[in-house]
Amino acid sequence: MPKNKPNKGLLKRIRMTKTGKVKIRRASGRHLRSHKSGELIRSYRDSNYANGSDLRRIARLLHARVTGQSTSKNTESSES
């Protein structure tokens, strides 16, 4: 029986964190930078994680379980 193989092109473009988040690089940050502001260019260096709408597609291509970036920062304050 054949084995499920992950998509090699996708593996070269992402990194998986220990918790299962998918770390990516934003598009348009490599070339044609002269008209972009310094603030925008610096923002390309920040850690970026795959959006929740892409996670299902990424999980299918990798044959792996992935989780989204947690957005529950205000959960603790709303419980009080």
PDB file of N, CA and C in Angstrom:
ATOM      1  N   MET A   1       0.841  -1.180   0.000  1.00  0.00           N
ATOM      2  CA  MET A   1       0.000   0.000   0.000  1.00  0.00           C
ATOM      3  C   MET A   1       0.888   1.246   0.000  1.00  0.00           C
ATOM      4  N   PRO A   2       0.585   2.249  -0.848  1.00  0.00           N
ATOM      5  CA  PRO A   2       1.442   3.427  -0.918  1.00  0.00           C
ATOM      6  C   PRO A   2       1.328   4.286   0.342  1.00  0.00           C
ATOM      7  N   LYS A   3       2.417   4.993   0.614  1.00  0.00           N
ATOM      8  CA  LYS A   3       2.456   5.869   1.782  1.00  0.00           C
ATOM      9  C   LYS A   3       2.040   7.287   1.380  1.00  0.00           C
ATOM     10  N   ASN A   4       1.482   8.015   2.316  1.00  0.00           N
ATOM     11  CA  ASN A   4       1.147   9.416   2.081  1.00  0.00           C
ATOM     12  C   ASN A   4       2.421  10.243   2.148  1.00  0.00           C
ATOM     13  N   LYS A   5       2.683  11.010   1.102  1.00  0.00           N
ATOM     14  CA  LYS A   5       3.894  11.819   1.055  1.00  0.00           C
ATOM     15  C   LYS A   5       3.523  13.293   1.152  1.00  0.00           C
ATOM     16  N   PRO A   6       4.252  14.065   1.956  1.00  0.00           N
ATOM     17  CA  PRO A   6       3.971  15.494   2.050  1.00  0.00           C
ATOM     18  C   PRO A   6       4.408  16.216   0.785  1.00  0.00           C
ATOM     19  N   ASN A   7       3.792  17.338   0.524  1.00  0.00           N
ATOM     20  CA  ASN A   7       4.120  18.147  -0.642  1.00  0.00           C
ATOM     21  C   ASN A   7       5.468  18.832  -0.417  1.00  0.00           C
ATOM     22  N   LYS A   8       6.465  18.500  -1.241  1.00  0.00           N
ATOM     23  CA  LYS A   8       7.825  18.994  -1.041  1.00  0.00           C
ATOM     24  C   LYS A   8       7.933  20.494  -1.268  1.00  0.00           C
ATOM     25  N   GLY A   9       7.153  21.027  -2.210  1.00  0.00           N
ATOM     26  CA  GLY A   9       7.194  22.462  -2.453  1.00  0.00           C
ATOM     27  C   GLY A   9       6.712  23.254  -1.253  1.00  0.00           C
ATOM     28  N   LEU A  10       5.687  22.750  -0.574  1.00  0.00           N
ATOM     29  CA  LEU A  10       5.173  23.409   0.609  1.00  0.00           C
ATOM     30  C   LEU A  10       6.148  23.291   1.773  1.00  0.00           C
ATOM     31  N   LEU A  11       6.793  22.146   1.898  1.00  0.00           N
ATOM     32  CA  LEU A  11       7.746  21.946   2.994  1.00  0.00           C
ATOM     33  C   LEU A  11       8.906  22.930   2.924  1.00  0.00           C
ATOM     34  N   LYS A  12       9.274  23.360   1.720  1.00  0.00           N
ATOM     35  CA  LYS A  12      10.378  24.305   1.560  1.00  0.00           C
ATOM     36  C   LYS A  12       9.974  25.725   1.928  1.00  0.00           C
ATOM     37  N   ARG A  13       8.688  26.000   2.026  1.00  0.00           N
ATOM     38  CA  ARG A  13       8.208  27.353   2.259  1.00  0.00           C
ATOM     39  C   ARG A  13       7.681  27.598   3.661  1.00  0.00           C
ATOM     40  N   ILE A  14       7.545  26.566   4.480  1.00  0.00           N
ATOM     41  CA  ILE A  14       6.978  26.732   5.814  1.00  0.00           C
ATOM     42  C   ILE A  14       7.858  26.052   6.848  1.00  0.00           C
ATOM     43  N   ARG A  15       7.597  26.371   8.100  1.00  0.00           N
ATOM     44  CA  ARG A  15       8.199  25.678   9.229  1.00  0.00           C
ATOM     45  C   ARG A  15       7.072  25.372  10.211  1.00  0.00           C
ATOM     46  N   MET A  16       7.139  24.194  10.804  1.00  0.00           N
ATOM     47  CA  MET A  16       6.165  23.824  11.811  1.00  0.00           C
ATOM     48  C   MET A  16       6.760  24.100  13.187  1.00  0.00           C
ATOM     49  N   THR A  17       5.991  24.733  14.059  1.00  0.00           N
ATOM     50  CA  THR A  17       6.457  24.963  15.415  1.00  0.00           C
ATOM     51  C   THR A  17       6.151  23.730  16.257  1.00  0.00           C
ATOM     52  N   LYS A  18       6.665  23.735  17.467  1.00  0.00           N
ATOM     53  CA  LYS A  18       6.462  22.593  18.357  1.00  0.00           C
ATOM     54  C   LYS A  18       4.980  22.382  18.684  1.00  0.00           C
ATOM     55  N   THR A  19       4.229  23.460  18.761  1.00  0.00           N
ATOM     56  CA  THR A  19       2.817  23.358  19.097  1.00  0.00           C
ATOM     57  C   THR A  19       1.940  23.065  17.886  1.00  0.00           C
ATOM     58  N   GLY A  20       2.538  22.991  16.685  1.00  0.00           N
ATOM     59  CA  GLY A  20       1.772  22.652  15.496  1.00  0.00           C
ATOM     60  C   GLY A  20       1.349  23.832  14.652  1.00  0.00           C
ATOM     61  N   LYS A  21       1.790  25.036  15.016  1.00  0.00           N
ATOM     62  CA  LYS A  21       1.471  26.199  14.195  1.00  0.00           C
ATOM     63  C   LYS A  21       2.318  26.159  12.926  1.00  0.00           C
ATOM     64  N   VAL A  22       1.840  26.810  11.895  1.00  0.00           N
ATOM     65  CA  VAL A  22       2.544  26.846  10.617  1.00  0.00           C
ATOM     66  C   VAL A  22       3.134  28.243  10.448  1.00  0.00           C
ATOM     67  N   LYS A  23       4.464  28.328  10.473  1.00  0.00           N
ATOM     68  CA  LYS A  23       5.171  29.598  10.359  1.00  0.00           C
ATOM     69  C   LYS A  23       5.510  29.837   8.895  1.00  0.00           C
ATOM     70  N   ILE A  24       5.175  31.021   8.393  1.00  0.00           N
ATOM     71  CA  ILE A  24       5.374  31.326   6.977  1.00  0.00           C
ATOM     72  C   ILE A  24       6.066  32.672   6.839  1.00  0.00           C
ATOM     73  N   ARG A  25       6.532  32.970   5.624  1.00  0.00           N
ATOM     74  CA  ARG A  25       7.065  34.288   5.282  1.00  0.00           C
ATOM     75  C   ARG A  25       6.040  34.995   4.401  1.00  0.00           C
ATOM     76  N   ARG A  26       5.856  36.276   4.645  1.00  0.00           N
ATOM     77  CA  ARG A  26       4.903  37.042   3.852  1.00  0.00           C
ATOM     78  C   ARG A  26       5.415  37.263   2.452  1.00  0.00           C
ATOM     79  N   ALA A  27       4.524  37.393   1.520  1.00  0.00           N
ATOM     80  CA  ALA A  27       4.883  37.642   0.129  1.00  0.00           C
ATOM     81  C   ALA A  27       5.309  39.099  -0.068  1.00  0.00           C
ATOM     82  N   SER A  28       6.002  39.357  -1.155  1.00  0.00           N
ATOM     83  CA  SER A  28       6.391  40.698  -1.622  1.00  0.00           C
ATOM     84  C   SER A  28       7.471  41.356  -0.790  1.00  0.00           C
ATOM     85  N   GLY A  29       8.217  40.617  -0.004  1.00  0.00           N
ATOM     86  CA  GLY A  29       9.236  41.228   0.835  1.00  0.00           C
ATOM     87  C   GLY A  29      10.645  41.061   0.330  1.00  0.00           C
ATOM     88  N   ARG A  30      10.853  40.442  -0.814  1.00  0.00           N
ATOM     89  CA  ARG A  30      12.197  40.121  -1.281  1.00  0.00           C
ATOM     90  C   ARG A  30      12.752  41.096  -2.312  1.00  0.00           C
ATOM     91  N   HIS A  31      11.952  41.579  -3.222  1.00  0.00           N
ATOM     92  CA  HIS A  31      12.472  42.447  -4.281  1.00  0.00           C
ATOM     93  C   HIS A  31      11.467  43.562  -4.558  1.00  0.00           C
ATOM     94  N   LEU A  32      11.876  44.521  -5.381  1.00  0.00           N
ATOM     95  CA  LEU A  32      11.072  45.721  -5.663  1.00  0.00           C
ATOM     96  C   LEU A  32      10.732  46.443  -4.366  1.00  0.00           C
ATOM     97  N   ARG A  33      11.773  46.714  -3.583  1.00  0.00           N
ATOM     98  CA  ARG A  33      11.565  47.287  -2.261  1.00  0.00           C
ATOM     99  C   ARG A  33      11.728  48.801  -2.217  1.00  0.00           C
ATOM    100  N   SER A  34      12.184  49.408  -3.292  1.00  0.00           N
ATOM    101  CA  SER A  34      12.538  50.833  -3.234  1.00  0.00           C
ATOM    102  C   SER A  34      11.327  51.731  -2.965  1.00  0.00           C
ATOM    103  N   HIS A  35      10.167  51.353  -3.413  1.00  0.00           N
ATOM    104  CA  HIS A  35       8.986  52.185  -3.188  1.00  0.00           C
ATOM    105  C   HIS A  35       8.246  51.835  -1.904  1.00  0.00           C
ATOM    106  N   LYS A  36       8.707  50.815  -1.191  1.00  0.00           N
ATOM    107  CA  LYS A  36       8.038  50.400   0.046  1.00  0.00           C
ATOM    108  C   LYS A  36       8.636  51.149   1.227  1.00  0.00           C
ATOM    109  N   SER A  37       7.808  51.436   2.210  1.00  0.00           N
ATOM    110  CA  SER A  37       8.272  52.182   3.374  1.00  0.00           C
ATOM    111  C   SER A  37       9.133  51.291   4.263  1.00  0.00           C
ATOM    112  N   GLY A  38       9.958  51.918   5.068  1.00  0.00           N
ATOM    113  CA  GLY A  38      10.801  51.175   6.001  1.00  0.00           C
ATOM    114  C   GLY A  38       9.973  50.393   6.996  1.00  0.00           C
ATOM    115  N   GLU A  39       8.863  50.974   7.402  1.00  0.00           N
ATOM    116  CA  GLU A  39       7.971  50.292   8.345  1.00  0.00           C
ATOM    117  C   GLU A  39       7.430  49.005   7.738  1.00  0.00           C
ATOM    118  N   LEU A  40       7.064  49.044   6.467  1.00  0.00           N
ATOM    119  CA  LEU A  40       6.543  47.856   5.799  1.00  0.00           C
ATOM    120  C   LEU A  40       7.633  46.800   5.643  1.00  0.00           C
ATOM    121  N   ILE A  41       8.835  47.231   5.249  1.00  0.00           N
ATOM    122  CA  ILE A  41       9.938  46.282   5.064  1.00  0.00           C
ATOM    123  C   ILE A  41      10.298  45.623   6.394  1.00  0.00           C
ATOM    124  N   ARG A  42      10.287  46.399   7.477  1.00  0.00           N
ATOM    125  CA  ARG A  42      10.573  45.818   8.792  1.00  0.00           C
ATOM    126  C   ARG A  42       9.485  44.843   9.217  1.00  0.00           C
ATOM    127  N   SER A  43       8.255  45.102   8.803  1.00  0.00           N
ATOM    128  CA  SER A  43       7.161  44.205   9.187  1.00  0.00           C
ATOM    129  C   SER A  43       7.279  42.837   8.518  1.00  0.00           C
ATOM    130  N   TYR A  44       7.986  42.779   7.378  1.00  0.00           N
ATOM    131  CA  TYR A  44       8.190  41.492   6.719  1.00  0.00           C
ATOM    132  C   TYR A  44       9.083  40.573   7.544  1.00  0.00           C
ATOM    133  N   ARG A  45       9.901  41.147   8.427  1.00  0.00           N
ATOM    134  CA  ARG A  45      10.806  40.344   9.246  1.00  0.00           C
ATOM    135  C   ARG A  45      10.101  39.664  10.409  1.00  0.00           C
ATOM    136  N   ASP A  46       8.953  40.168  10.798  1.00  0.00           N
ATOM    137  CA  ASP A  46       8.233  39.615  11.946  1.00  0.00           C
ATOM    138  C   ASP A  46       7.792  38.186  11.696  1.00  0.00           C
ATOM    139  N   SER A  47       7.590  37.450  12.777  1.00  0.00           N
ATOM    140  CA  SER A  47       7.063  36.099  12.662  1.00  0.00           C
ATOM    141  C   SER A  47       5.622  36.161  12.178  1.00  0.00           C
ATOM    142  N   ASN A  48       5.308  35.369  11.189  1.00  0.00           N
ATOM    143  CA  ASN A  48       3.960  35.309  10.645  1.00  0.00           C
ATOM    144  C   ASN A  48       3.510  33.867  10.623  1.00  0.00           C
ATOM    145  N   TYR A  49       2.267  33.658  10.943  1.00  0.00           N
ATOM    146  CA  TYR A  49       1.714  32.312  10.985  1.00  0.00           C
ATOM    147  C   TYR A  49       0.593  32.194   9.964  1.00  0.00           C
ATOM    148  N   ALA A  50       0.374  30.995   9.480  1.00  0.00           N
ATOM    149  CA  ALA A  50      -0.650  30.771   8.469  1.00  0.00           C
ATOM    150  C   ALA A  50      -2.019  31.122   9.031  1.00  0.00           C
ATOM    151  N   ASN A  51      -2.835  31.675   8.180  1.00  0.00           N
ATOM    152  CA  ASN A  51      -4.185  32.064   8.548  1.00  0.00           C
ATOM    153  C   ASN A  51      -5.056  30.823   8.747  1.00  0.00           C
ATOM    154  N   GLY A  52      -6.066  30.952   9.544  1.00  0.00           N
ATOM    155  CA  GLY A  52      -6.946  29.825   9.819  1.00  0.00           C
ATOM    156  C   GLY A  52      -7.633  29.280   8.589  1.00  0.00           C
ATOM    157  N   SER A  53      -7.874  30.150   7.601  1.00  0.00           N
ATOM    158  CA  SER A  53      -8.543  29.697   6.390  1.00  0.00           C
ATOM    159  C   SER A  53      -7.645  28.812   5.527  1.00  0.00           C
ATOM    160  N   ASP A  54      -6.328  28.886   5.725  1.00  0.00           N
ATOM    161  CA  ASP A  54      -5.396  28.073   4.943  1.00  0.00           C
ATOM    162  C   ASP A  54      -5.022  26.761   5.627  1.00  0.00           C
ATOM    163  N   LEU A  55      -5.348  26.610   6.892  1.00  0.00           N
ATOM    164  CA  LEU A  55      -4.855  25.459   7.651  1.00  0.00           C
ATOM    165  C   LEU A  55      -5.385  24.127   7.139  1.00  0.00           C
ATOM    166  N   ARG A  56      -6.621  24.089   6.703  1.00  0.00           N
ATOM    167  CA  ARG A  56      -7.181  22.827   6.213  1.00  0.00           C
ATOM    168  C   ARG A  56      -6.457  22.370   4.950  1.00  0.00           C
ATOM    169  N   ARG A  57      -6.180  23.325   4.052  1.00  0.00           N
ATOM    170  CA  ARG A  57      -5.458  23.001   2.822  1.00  0.00           C
ATOM    171  C   ARG A  57      -4.027  22.562   3.119  1.00  0.00           C
ATOM    172  N   ILE A  58      -3.365  23.243   4.053  1.00  0.00           N
ATOM    173  CA  ILE A  58      -1.994  22.889   4.418  1.00  0.00           C
ATOM    174  C   ILE A  58      -1.948  21.513   5.059  1.00  0.00           C
ATOM    175  N   ALA A  59      -2.909  21.213   5.911  1.00  0.00           N
ATOM    176  CA  ALA A  59      -2.942  19.907   6.566  1.00  0.00           C
ATOM    177  C   ALA A  59      -3.110  18.782   5.552  1.00  0.00           C
ATOM    178  N   ARG A  60      -3.910  19.022   4.521  1.00  0.00           N
ATOM    179  CA  ARG A  60      -4.080  18.001   3.486  1.00  0.00           C
ATOM    180  C   ARG A  60      -2.799  17.780   2.692  1.00  0.00           C
ATOM    181  N   LEU A  61      -2.092  18.864   2.374  1.00  0.00           N
ATOM    182  CA  LEU A  61      -0.865  18.742   1.592  1.00  0.00           C
ATOM    183  C   LEU A  61       0.255  18.083   2.385  1.00  0.00           C
ATOM    184  N   LEU A  62       0.271  18.300   3.700  1.00  0.00           N
ATOM    185  CA  LEU A  62       1.343  17.745   4.520  1.00  0.00           C
ATOM    186  C   LEU A  62       1.004  16.387   5.116  1.00  0.00           C
ATOM    187  N   HIS A  63      -0.260  16.027   5.105  1.00  0.00           N
ATOM    188  CA  HIS A  63      -0.723  14.809   5.785  1.00  0.00           C
ATOM    189  C   HIS A  63      -0.313  14.862   7.252  1.00  0.00           C
ATOM    190  N   ALA A  64      -0.509  16.024   7.866  1.00  0.00           N
ATOM    191  CA  ALA A  64      -0.132  16.220   9.257  1.00  0.00           C
ATOM    192  C   ALA A  64      -1.192  17.059   9.949  1.00  0.00           C
ATOM    193  N   ARG A  65      -1.175  17.000  11.256  1.00  0.00           N
ATOM    194  CA  ARG A  65      -2.109  17.792  12.046  1.00  0.00           C
ATOM    195  C   ARG A  65      -1.500  19.159  12.315  1.00  0.00           C
ATOM    196  N   VAL A  66      -2.244  20.209  12.030  1.00  0.00           N
ATOM    197  CA  VAL A  66      -1.765  21.568  12.251  1.00  0.00           C
ATOM    198  C   VAL A  66      -2.781  22.315  13.094  1.00  0.00           C
ATOM    199  N   THR A  67      -2.298  23.311  13.821  1.00  0.00           N
ATOM    200  CA  THR A  67      -3.182  24.151  14.622  1.00  0.00           C
ATOM    201  C   THR A  67      -2.982  25.585  14.215  1.00  0.00           C
ATOM    202  N   GLY A  68      -3.968  26.406  14.487  1.00  0.00           N
ATOM    203  CA  GLY A  68      -3.890  27.806  14.126  1.00  0.00           C
ATOM    204  C   GLY A  68      -3.259  28.630  15.216  1.00  0.00           C
ATOM    205  N   GLN A  69      -3.010  29.889  14.900  1.00  0.00           N
ATOM    206  CA  GLN A  69      -2.473  30.811  15.877  1.00  0.00           C
ATOM    207  C   GLN A  69      -3.584  31.148  16.855  1.00  0.00           C
ATOM    208  N   SER A  70      -3.304  31.002  18.133  1.00  0.00           N
ATOM    209  CA  SER A  70      -4.347  31.243  19.121  1.00  0.00           C
ATOM    210  C   SER A  70      -4.651  32.728  19.186  1.00  0.00           C
ATOM    211  N   THR A  71      -5.935  33.053  19.162  1.00  0.00           N
ATOM    212  CA  THR A  71      -6.367  34.445  19.223  1.00  0.00           C
ATOM    213  C   THR A  71      -7.083  34.723  20.534  1.00  0.00           C
ATOM    214  N   SER A  72      -6.799  33.941  21.564  1.00  0.00           N
ATOM    215  CA  SER A  72      -7.488  34.086  22.843  1.00  0.00           C
ATOM    216  C   SER A  72      -6.662  34.913  23.818  1.00  0.00           C
ATOM    217  N   LYS A  73      -6.154  36.073  23.392  1.00  0.00           N
ATOM    218  CA  LYS A  73      -5.371  36.935  24.259  1.00  0.00           C
ATOM    219  C   LYS A  73      -6.248  37.632  25.275  1.00  0.00           C
ATOM    220  N   ASN A  74      -7.486  37.962  24.889  1.00  0.00           N
ATOM    221  CA  ASN A  74      -8.380  38.679  25.785  1.00  0.00           C
ATOM    222  C   ASN A  74      -9.295  37.746  26.555  1.00  0.00           C
ATOM    223  N   THR A  75      -9.104  36.468  26.444  1.00  0.00           N
ATOM    224  CA  THR A  75      -9.971  35.508  27.124  1.00  0.00           C
ATOM    225  C   THR A  75      -9.820  35.600  28.633  1.00  0.00           C
ATOM    226  N   GLU A  76      -8.576  35.783  29.110  1.00  0.00           N
ATOM    227  CA  GLU A  76      -8.336  35.824  30.543  1.00  0.00           C
ATOM    228  C   GLU A  76      -8.993  37.045  31.163  1.00  0.00           C
ATOM    229  N   SER A  77      -8.939  38.190  30.484  1.00  0.00           N
ATOM    230  CA  SER A  77      -9.510  39.393  31.050  1.00  0.00           C
ATOM    231  C   SER A  77     -11.039  39.363  31.027  1.00  0.00           C
ATOM    232  N   SER A  78     -11.643  38.649  30.091  1.00  0.00           N
ATOM    233  CA  SER A  78     -13.098  38.611  30.022  1.00  0.00           C
ATOM    234  C   SER A  78     -13.691  37.660  31.053  1.00  0.00           C
ATOM    235  N   GLU A  79     -12.873  36.745  31.600  1.00  0.00           N
ATOM    236  CA  GLU A  79     -13.391  35.814  32.618  1.00  0.00           C
ATOM    237  C   GLU A  79     -13.553  36.483  33.951  1.00  0.00           C
ATOM    238  N   SER A  80     -12.801  37.539  34.226  1.00  0.00           N
ATOM    239  CA  SER A  80     -12.850  38.210  35.534  1.00  0.00           C
ATOM    240  C   SER A  80     -14.093  38.994  35.738  1.00  0.00           C
TER     241      SER A  80
END
